[in-house]
Amino acid sequence: SEPDCPALVDVLPIQDTSSGGPHWGTLDNFALGA
């Protein structure tokens, strides 16, 4: 409720019927230049 609290932007559900789901991830820090 405090004004500086993080705001939820988006949630992407991941379909996985096993005992697990998404555990790890990484960012793409590259872009193709002109």
Full PDB file with SEQRES, HELIX, SHEET, SSBOND, CRYST1, ORIGX, SCALE, CONECT and MASTER records, all heavy atoms in Angstrom:
SEQRES   1 A   34  SER GLU PRO ASP CYS PRO ALA LEU VAL ASP VAL LEU PRO          
SEQRES   2 A   34  ILE GLN ASP THR SER SER GLY GLY PRO HIS TRP GLY THR          
SEQRES   3 A   34  LEU ASP ASN PHE ALA LEU GLY ALA                              
CRYST1    1.000    1.000    1.000  90.00  90.00  90.00 P 1           1          
ORIGX1      1.000000  0.000000  0.000000        0.00000                         
ORIGX2      0.000000  1.000000  0.000000        0.00000                         
ORIGX3      0.000000  0.000000  1.000000        0.00000                         
SCALE1      1.000000  0.000000  0.000000        0.00000                         
SCALE2      0.000000  1.000000  0.000000        0.00000                         
SCALE3      0.000000  0.000000  1.000000        0.00000                         
ATOM      1  N   SER A   1       0.818  -1.220   0.000  1.00  0.00           N  
ATOM      2  CA  SER A   1       0.000   0.000   0.000  1.00  0.00           C  
ATOM      3  C   SER A   1       0.850   1.269   0.000  1.00  0.00           C  
ATOM      4  O   SER A   1       0.356   2.343  -0.350  1.00  0.00           O  
ATOM      5  CB  SER A   1      -0.918   0.000   1.225  1.00  0.00           C  
ATOM      6  OG  SER A   1      -0.152  -0.058   2.425  1.00  0.00           O  
ATOM      7  N   GLU A   2       2.114   1.171   0.409  1.00  0.00           N  
ATOM      8  CA  GLU A   2       2.969   2.350   0.412  1.00  0.00           C  
ATOM      9  C   GLU A   2       3.275   2.769  -1.030  1.00  0.00           C  
ATOM     10  O   GLU A   2       3.392   1.931  -1.919  1.00  0.00           O  
ATOM     11  CB  GLU A   2       4.267   2.076   1.168  1.00  0.00           C  
ATOM     12  CG  GLU A   2       4.107   1.851   2.659  1.00  0.00           C  
ATOM     13  CD  GLU A   2       3.728   0.417   3.001  1.00  0.00           C  
ATOM     14  OE1 GLU A   2       3.667  -0.425   2.071  1.00  0.00           O  
ATOM     15  OE2 GLU A   2       3.484   0.140   4.191  1.00  0.00           O  
ATOM     16  N   PRO A   3       3.432   4.069  -1.269  1.00  0.00           N  
ATOM     17  CA  PRO A   3       3.581   4.554  -2.660  1.00  0.00           C  
ATOM     18  C   PRO A   3       4.850   4.087  -3.359  1.00  0.00           C  
ATOM     19  O   PRO A   3       4.898   4.099  -4.591  1.00  0.00           O  
ATOM     20  CB  PRO A   3       3.570   6.083  -2.505  1.00  0.00           C  
ATOM     21  CG  PRO A   3       3.916   6.343  -1.077  1.00  0.00           C  
ATOM     22  CD  PRO A   3       3.368   5.192  -0.302  1.00  0.00           C  
ATOM     23  N   ASP A   4       5.880   3.693  -2.601  1.00  0.00           N  
ATOM     24  CA  ASP A   4       7.121   3.264  -3.246  1.00  0.00           C  
ATOM     25  C   ASP A   4       7.189   1.761  -3.485  1.00  0.00           C  
ATOM     26  O   ASP A   4       8.206   1.255  -3.972  1.00  0.00           O  
ATOM     27  CB  ASP A   4       8.340   3.721  -2.429  1.00  0.00           C  
ATOM     28  CG  ASP A   4       8.359   3.164  -1.017  1.00  0.00           C  
ATOM     29  OD1 ASP A   4       7.278   2.797  -0.511  1.00  0.00           O  
ATOM     30  OD2 ASP A   4       9.447   3.101  -0.406  1.00  0.00           O  
ATOM     31  N   CYS A   5       6.138   1.028  -3.165  1.00  0.00           N  
ATOM     32  CA  CYS A   5       6.149  -0.429  -3.355  1.00  0.00           C  
ATOM     33  C   CYS A   5       6.197  -0.778  -4.844  1.00  0.00           C  
ATOM     34  O   CYS A   5       5.653  -0.052  -5.687  1.00  0.00           O  
ATOM     35  CB  CYS A   5       4.916  -1.062  -2.728  1.00  0.00           C  
ATOM     36  SG  CYS A   5       5.022  -1.240  -0.930  1.00  0.00           S  
ATOM     37  N   PRO A   6       6.844  -1.879  -5.190  1.00  0.00           N  
ATOM     38  CA  PRO A   6       6.882  -2.302  -6.597  1.00  0.00           C  
ATOM     39  C   PRO A   6       5.483  -2.502  -7.165  1.00  0.00           C  
ATOM     40  O   PRO A   6       4.579  -2.982  -6.473  1.00  0.00           O  
ATOM     41  CB  PRO A   6       7.645  -3.626  -6.548  1.00  0.00           C  
ATOM     42  CG  PRO A   6       8.455  -3.566  -5.297  1.00  0.00           C  
ATOM     43  CD  PRO A   6       7.619  -2.794  -4.323  1.00  0.00           C  
ATOM     44  N   ALA A   7       5.328  -2.131  -8.434  1.00  0.00           N  
ATOM     45  CA  ALA A   7       4.057  -2.313  -9.128  1.00  0.00           C  
ATOM     46  C   ALA A   7       4.150  -3.538 -10.025  1.00  0.00           C  
ATOM     47  O   ALA A   7       5.137  -3.712 -10.751  1.00  0.00           O  
ATOM     48  CB  ALA A   7       3.722  -1.082  -9.952  1.00  0.00           C  
ATOM     49  N   LEU A   8       3.120  -4.387  -9.977  1.00  0.00           N  
ATOM     50  CA  LEU A   8       3.075  -5.563 -10.846  1.00  0.00           C  
ATOM     51  C   LEU A   8       2.777  -5.123 -12.277  1.00  0.00           C  
ATOM     52  O   LEU A   8       1.740  -4.530 -12.554  1.00  0.00           O  
ATOM     53  CB  LEU A   8       2.014  -6.540 -10.349  1.00  0.00           C  
ATOM     54  CG  LEU A   8       1.898  -7.861 -11.125  1.00  0.00           C  
ATOM     55  CD1 LEU A   8       3.186  -8.674 -11.023  1.00  0.00           C  
ATOM     56  CD2 LEU A   8       0.711  -8.688 -10.602  1.00  0.00           C  
ATOM     57  N   VAL A   9       3.709  -5.429 -13.189  1.00  0.00           N  
ATOM     58  CA  VAL A   9       3.565  -5.033 -14.589  1.00  0.00           C  
ATOM     59  C   VAL A   9       2.884  -6.116 -15.401  1.00  0.00           C  
ATOM     60  O   VAL A   9       1.947  -5.859 -16.162  1.00  0.00           O  
ATOM     61  CB  VAL A   9       4.942  -4.708 -15.210  1.00  0.00           C  
ATOM     62  CG1 VAL A   9       4.819  -4.413 -16.699  1.00  0.00           C  
ATOM     63  CG2 VAL A   9       5.592  -3.545 -14.487  1.00  0.00           C  
ATOM     64  N   ASP A  10       3.349  -7.355 -15.250  1.00  0.00           N  
ATOM     65  CA  ASP A  10       2.798  -8.433 -16.072  1.00  0.00           C  
ATOM     66  C   ASP A  10       3.120  -9.785 -15.439  1.00  0.00           C  
ATOM     67  O   ASP A  10       4.099  -9.922 -14.685  1.00  0.00           O  
ATOM     68  CB  ASP A  10       3.381  -8.381 -17.484  1.00  0.00           C  
ATOM     69  CG  ASP A  10       2.536  -9.128 -18.507  1.00  0.00           C  
ATOM     70  OD1 ASP A  10       1.402  -9.520 -18.171  1.00  0.00           O  
ATOM     71  OD2 ASP A  10       3.011  -9.327 -19.641  1.00  0.00           O  
ATOM     72  N   VAL A  11       2.281 -10.761 -15.757  1.00  0.00           N  
ATOM     73  CA  VAL A  11       2.474 -12.149 -15.328  1.00  0.00           C  
ATOM     74  C   VAL A  11       2.306 -13.042 -16.552  1.00  0.00           C  
ATOM     75  O   VAL A  11       1.306 -12.939 -17.263  1.00  0.00           O  
ATOM     76  CB  VAL A  11       1.458 -12.578 -14.248  1.00  0.00           C  
ATOM     77  CG1 VAL A  11       1.725 -14.012 -13.805  1.00  0.00           C  
ATOM     78  CG2 VAL A  11       1.485 -11.638 -13.058  1.00  0.00           C  
ATOM     79  N   LEU A  12       3.282 -13.905 -16.808  1.00  0.00           N  
ATOM     80  CA  LEU A  12       3.197 -14.845 -17.920  1.00  0.00           C  
ATOM     81  C   LEU A  12       3.138 -16.257 -17.347  1.00  0.00           C  
ATOM     82  O   LEU A  12       4.155 -16.792 -16.892  1.00  0.00           O  
ATOM     83  CB  LEU A  12       4.416 -14.703 -18.840  1.00  0.00           C  
ATOM     84  CG  LEU A  12       4.407 -15.584 -20.093  1.00  0.00           C  
ATOM     85  CD1 LEU A  12       3.287 -15.146 -21.049  1.00  0.00           C  
ATOM     86  CD2 LEU A  12       5.755 -15.525 -20.806  1.00  0.00           C  
ATOM     87  N   PRO A  13       1.948 -16.885 -17.335  1.00  0.00           N  
ATOM     88  CA  PRO A  13       1.868 -18.270 -16.860  1.00  0.00           C  
ATOM     89  C   PRO A  13       2.647 -19.210 -17.780  1.00  0.00           C  
ATOM     90  O   PRO A  13       2.676 -19.033 -18.997  1.00  0.00           O  
ATOM     91  CB  PRO A  13       0.371 -18.579 -16.894  1.00  0.00           C  
ATOM     92  CG  PRO A  13      -0.306 -17.235 -16.897  1.00  0.00           C  
ATOM     93  CD  PRO A  13       0.626 -16.347 -17.662  1.00  0.00           C  
ATOM     94  N   ILE A  14       3.288 -20.198 -17.206  1.00  0.00           N  
ATOM     95  CA  ILE A  14       4.065 -21.188 -17.947  1.00  0.00           C  
ATOM     96  C   ILE A  14       3.377 -22.542 -17.805  1.00  0.00           C  
ATOM     97  O   ILE A  14       3.143 -23.015 -16.695  1.00  0.00           O  
ATOM     98  CB  ILE A  14       5.512 -21.295 -17.410  1.00  0.00           C  
ATOM     99  CG1 ILE A  14       6.193 -19.923 -17.404  1.00  0.00           C  
ATOM    100  CG2 ILE A  14       6.298 -22.310 -18.211  1.00  0.00           C  
ATOM    101  CD1 ILE A  14       6.535 -19.371 -18.752  1.00  0.00           C  
ATOM    102  N   GLN A  15       3.063 -23.158 -18.930  1.00  0.00           N  
ATOM    103  CA  GLN A  15       2.390 -24.448 -18.905  1.00  0.00           C  
ATOM    104  C   GLN A  15       3.412 -25.565 -18.682  1.00  0.00           C  
ATOM    105  O   GLN A  15       4.334 -25.738 -19.463  1.00  0.00           O  
ATOM    106  CB  GLN A  15       1.642 -24.683 -20.223  1.00  0.00           C  
ATOM    107  CG  GLN A  15       0.551 -23.669 -20.505  1.00  0.00           C  
ATOM    108  CD  GLN A  15      -0.502 -23.628 -19.413  1.00  0.00           C  
ATOM    109  OE1 GLN A  15      -0.977 -24.666 -18.944  1.00  0.00           O  
ATOM    110  NE2 GLN A  15      -0.863 -22.420 -18.988  1.00  0.00           N  
ATOM    111  N   ASP A  16       3.232 -26.296 -17.594  1.00  0.00           N  
ATOM    112  CA  ASP A  16       4.108 -27.418 -17.277  1.00  0.00           C  
ATOM    113  C   ASP A  16       3.343 -28.334 -16.344  1.00  0.00           C  
ATOM    114  O   ASP A  16       3.071 -27.980 -15.195  1.00  0.00           O  
ATOM    115  CB  ASP A  16       5.402 -26.927 -16.613  1.00  0.00           C  
ATOM    116  CG  ASP A  16       6.423 -28.029 -16.402  1.00  0.00           C  
ATOM    117  OD1 ASP A  16       6.034 -29.209 -16.352  1.00  0.00           O  
ATOM    118  OD2 ASP A  16       7.620 -27.716 -16.267  1.00  0.00           O  
ATOM    119  N   THR A  17       2.960 -29.507 -16.832  1.00  0.00           N  
ATOM    120  CA  THR A  17       2.161 -30.435 -16.036  1.00  0.00           C  
ATOM    121  C   THR A  17       3.019 -31.371 -15.194  1.00  0.00           C  
ATOM    122  O   THR A  17       2.492 -32.238 -14.508  1.00  0.00           O  
ATOM    123  CB  THR A  17       1.247 -31.275 -16.948  1.00  0.00           C  
ATOM    124  OG1 THR A  17       2.050 -31.993 -17.892  1.00  0.00           O  
ATOM    125  CG2 THR A  17       0.254 -30.386 -17.686  1.00  0.00           C  
ATOM    126  N   SER A  18       4.334 -31.197 -15.229  1.00  0.00           N  
ATOM    127  CA  SER A  18       5.225 -32.027 -14.420  1.00  0.00           C  
ATOM    128  C   SER A  18       5.242 -31.512 -12.985  1.00  0.00           C  
ATOM    129  O   SER A  18       4.498 -30.603 -12.610  1.00  0.00           O  
ATOM    130  CB  SER A  18       6.638 -32.006 -15.003  1.00  0.00           C  
ATOM    131  OG  SER A  18       7.281 -30.789 -14.671  1.00  0.00           O  
ATOM    132  N   SER A  19       6.141 -32.063 -12.183  1.00  0.00           N  
ATOM    133  CA  SER A  19       6.282 -31.619 -10.800  1.00  0.00           C  
ATOM    134  C   SER A  19       7.007 -30.291 -10.689  1.00  0.00           C  
ATOM    135  O   SER A  19       7.123 -29.729  -9.594  1.00  0.00           O  
ATOM    136  CB  SER A  19       7.053 -32.674  -9.997  1.00  0.00           C  
ATOM    137  OG  SER A  19       8.340 -32.885 -10.556  1.00  0.00           O  
ATOM    138  N   GLY A  20       7.532 -29.775 -11.814  1.00  0.00           N  
ATOM    139  CA  GLY A  20       8.310 -28.542 -11.785  1.00  0.00           C  
ATOM    140  C   GLY A  20       7.758 -27.467 -12.675  1.00  0.00           C  
ATOM    141  O   GLY A  20       6.610 -27.513 -13.126  1.00  0.00           O  
ATOM    142  N   GLY A  21       8.596 -26.478 -12.949  1.00  0.00           N  
ATOM    143  CA  GLY A  21       8.226 -25.339 -13.774  1.00  0.00           C  
ATOM    144  C   GLY A  21       9.447 -24.488 -14.010  1.00  0.00           C  
ATOM    145  O   GLY A  21      10.578 -24.946 -13.866  1.00  0.00           O  
ATOM    146  N   PRO A  22       9.262 -23.197 -14.347  1.00  0.00           N  
ATOM    147  CA  PRO A  22      10.418 -22.342 -14.659  1.00  0.00           C  
ATOM    148  C   PRO A  22      11.235 -22.020 -13.407  1.00  0.00           C  
ATOM    149  O   PRO A  22      10.732 -21.414 -12.465  1.00  0.00           O  
ATOM    150  CB  PRO A  22       9.775 -21.084 -15.245  1.00  0.00           C  
ATOM    151  CG  PRO A  22       8.401 -21.051 -14.638  1.00  0.00           C  
ATOM    152  CD  PRO A  22       7.983 -22.481 -14.497  1.00  0.00           C  
ATOM    153  N   HIS A  23      12.484 -22.422 -13.408  1.00  0.00           N  
ATOM    154  CA  HIS A  23      13.356 -22.186 -12.265  1.00  0.00           C  
ATOM    155  C   HIS A  23      14.413 -21.135 -12.558  1.00  0.00           C  
ATOM    156  O   HIS A  23      14.711 -20.302 -11.719  1.00  0.00           O  
ATOM    157  CB  HIS A  23      14.043 -23.491 -11.859  1.00  0.00           C  
ATOM    158  CG  HIS A  23      15.183 -23.302 -10.901  1.00  0.00           C  
ATOM    159  ND1 HIS A  23      15.003 -22.819  -9.627  1.00  0.00           N  
ATOM    160  CD2 HIS A  23      16.526 -23.512 -11.038  1.00  0.00           C  
ATOM    161  CE1 HIS A  23      16.175 -22.755  -9.006  1.00  0.00           C  
ATOM    162  NE2 HIS A  23      17.110 -23.149  -9.836  1.00  0.00           N  
ATOM    163  N   TRP A  24      14.993 -21.171 -13.761  1.00  0.00           N  
ATOM    164  CA  TRP A  24      16.126 -20.299 -14.043  1.00  0.00           C  
ATOM    165  C   TRP A  24      15.863 -19.472 -15.284  1.00  0.00           C  
ATOM    166  O   TRP A  24      15.049 -19.839 -16.124  1.00  0.00           O  
ATOM    167  CB  TRP A  24      17.407 -21.105 -14.207  1.00  0.00           C  
ATOM    168  CG  TRP A  24      18.616 -20.269 -13.961  1.00  0.00           C  
ATOM    169  CD1 TRP A  24      19.565 -19.878 -14.873  1.00  0.00           C  
ATOM    170  CD2 TRP A  24      18.997 -19.678 -12.724  1.00  0.00           C  
ATOM    171  NE1 TRP A  24      20.502 -19.083 -14.256  1.00  0.00           N  
ATOM    172  CE2 TRP A  24      20.176 -18.941 -12.938  1.00  0.00           C  
ATOM    173  CE3 TRP A  24      18.435 -19.695 -11.433  1.00  0.00           C  
ATOM    174  CZ2 TRP A  24      20.822 -18.232 -11.920  1.00  0.00           C  
ATOM    175  CZ3 TRP A  24      19.072 -18.994 -10.425  1.00  0.00           C  
ATOM    176  CH2 TRP A  24      20.254 -18.272 -10.680  1.00  0.00           C  
ATOM    177  N   GLY A  25      16.583 -18.365 -15.395  1.00  0.00           N  
ATOM    178  CA  GLY A  25      16.417 -17.512 -16.546  1.00  0.00           C  
ATOM    179  C   GLY A  25      17.637 -16.646 -16.771  1.00  0.00           C  
ATOM    180  O   GLY A  25      18.583 -16.640 -15.971  1.00  0.00           O  
ATOM    181  N   THR A  26      17.619 -15.893 -17.855  1.00  0.00           N  
ATOM    182  CA  THR A  26      18.696 -14.963 -18.166  1.00  0.00           C  
ATOM    183  C   THR A  26      18.178 -13.866 -19.076  1.00  0.00           C  
ATOM    184  O   THR A  26      17.181 -14.053 -19.785  1.00  0.00           O  
ATOM    185  CB  THR A  26      19.894 -15.688 -18.814  1.00  0.00           C  
ATOM    186  OG1 THR A  26      21.024 -14.816 -18.853  1.00  0.00           O  
ATOM    187  CG2 THR A  26      19.565 -16.143 -20.226  1.00  0.00           C  
ATOM    188  N   LEU A  27      18.853 -12.716 -19.050  1.00  0.00           N  
ATOM    189  CA  LEU A  27      18.505 -11.578 -19.895  1.00  0.00           C  
ATOM    190  C   LEU A  27      19.330 -11.588 -21.174  1.00  0.00           C  
ATOM    191  O   LEU A  27      20.501 -11.963 -21.161  1.00  0.00           O  
ATOM    192  CB  LEU A  27      18.794 -10.270 -19.159  1.00  0.00           C  
ATOM    193  CG  LEU A  27      18.208 -10.038 -17.777  1.00  0.00           C  
ATOM    194  CD1 LEU A  27      18.717  -8.701 -17.234  1.00  0.00           C  
ATOM    195  CD2 LEU A  27      16.695 -10.044 -17.814  1.00  0.00           C  
ATOM    196  N   ASP A  28      18.731 -11.125 -22.249  1.00  0.00           N  
ATOM    197  CA  ASP A  28      19.464 -10.915 -23.501  1.00  0.00           C  
ATOM    198  C   ASP A  28      19.991  -9.486 -23.491  1.00  0.00           C  
ATOM    199  O   ASP A  28      19.231  -8.529 -23.642  1.00  0.00           O  
ATOM    200  CB  ASP A  28      18.535 -11.147 -24.693  1.00  0.00           C  
ATOM    201  CG  ASP A  28      19.258 -11.010 -26.035  1.00  0.00           C  
ATOM    202  OD1 ASP A  28      20.476 -10.735 -26.028  1.00  0.00           O  
ATOM    203  OD2 ASP A  28      18.601 -11.170 -27.075  1.00  0.00           O  
ATOM    204  N   ASN A  29      21.302  -9.342 -23.332  1.00  0.00           N  
ATOM    205  CA  ASN A  29      21.918  -8.021 -23.235  1.00  0.00           C  
ATOM    206  C   ASN A  29      22.616  -7.603 -24.522  1.00  0.00           C  
ATOM    207  O   ASN A  29      23.555  -6.811 -24.496  1.00  0.00           O  
ATOM    208  CB  ASN A  29      22.920  -7.982 -22.070  1.00  0.00           C  
ATOM    209  CG  ASN A  29      23.994  -9.060 -22.171  1.00  0.00           C  
ATOM    210  OD1 ASN A  29      23.697 -10.210 -22.461  1.00  0.00           O  
ATOM    211  ND2 ASN A  29      25.247  -8.713 -21.906  1.00  0.00           N  
ATOM    212  N   PHE A  30      22.123  -8.139 -25.662  1.00  0.00           N  
ATOM    213  CA  PHE A  30      22.729  -7.813 -26.953  1.00  0.00           C  
ATOM    214  C   PHE A  30      21.670  -7.304 -27.931  1.00  0.00           C  
ATOM    215  O   PHE A  30      20.512  -7.730 -27.889  1.00  0.00           O  
ATOM    216  CB  PHE A  30      23.437  -9.031 -27.548  1.00  0.00           C  
ATOM    217  CG  PHE A  30      24.520  -9.567 -26.664  1.00  0.00           C  
ATOM    218  CD1 PHE A  30      24.319 -10.727 -25.920  1.00  0.00           C  
ATOM    219  CD2 PHE A  30      25.727  -8.901 -26.541  1.00  0.00           C  
ATOM    220  CE1 PHE A  30      25.308 -11.204 -25.088  1.00  0.00           C  
ATOM    221  CE2 PHE A  30      26.727  -9.386 -25.710  1.00  0.00           C  
ATOM    222  CZ  PHE A  30      26.515 -10.538 -24.973  1.00  0.00           C  
ATOM    223  N   ALA A  31      22.104  -6.404 -28.822  1.00  0.00           N  
ATOM    224  CA  ALA A  31      21.231  -5.901 -29.882  1.00  0.00           C  
ATOM    225  C   ALA A  31      22.077  -5.751 -31.143  1.00  0.00           C  
ATOM    226  O   ALA A  31      23.253  -5.368 -31.083  1.00  0.00           O  
ATOM    227  CB  ALA A  31      20.606  -4.570 -29.486  1.00  0.00           C  
ATOM    228  N   LEU A  32      21.461  -6.038 -32.287  1.00  0.00           N  
ATOM    229  CA  LEU A  32      22.144  -5.919 -33.569  1.00  0.00           C  
ATOM    230  C   LEU A  32      22.140  -4.460 -34.003  1.00  0.00           C  
ATOM    231  O   LEU A  32      21.088  -3.830 -34.079  1.00  0.00           O  
ATOM    232  CB  LEU A  32      21.453  -6.794 -34.609  1.00  0.00           C  
ATOM    233  CG  LEU A  32      22.175  -6.980 -35.947  1.00  0.00           C  
ATOM    234  CD1 LEU A  32      23.516  -7.693 -35.735  1.00  0.00           C  
ATOM    235  CD2 LEU A  32      21.299  -7.778 -36.914  1.00  0.00           C  
ATOM    236  N   GLY A  33      23.348  -3.925 -34.259  1.00  0.00           N  
ATOM    237  CA  GLY A  33      23.460  -2.526 -34.629  1.00  0.00           C  
ATOM    238  C   GLY A  33      23.359  -2.297 -36.127  1.00  0.00           C  
ATOM    239  O   GLY A  33      23.354  -3.236 -36.942  1.00  0.00           O  
ATOM    240  N   ALA A  34      23.284  -1.028 -36.509  1.00  0.00           N  
ATOM    241  CA  ALA A  34      23.193  -0.662 -37.923  1.00  0.00           C  
ATOM    242  C   ALA A  34      24.456  -1.052 -38.689  1.00  0.00           C  
ATOM    243  O   ALA A  34      24.432  -1.178 -39.920  1.00  0.00           O  
ATOM    244  CB  ALA A  34      22.954   0.842 -38.046  1.00  0.00           C  
TER     245      ALA A  34                                                      
MASTER        0    0    0    0    0    0    0    6  244    1    0    3          
END                                                                             
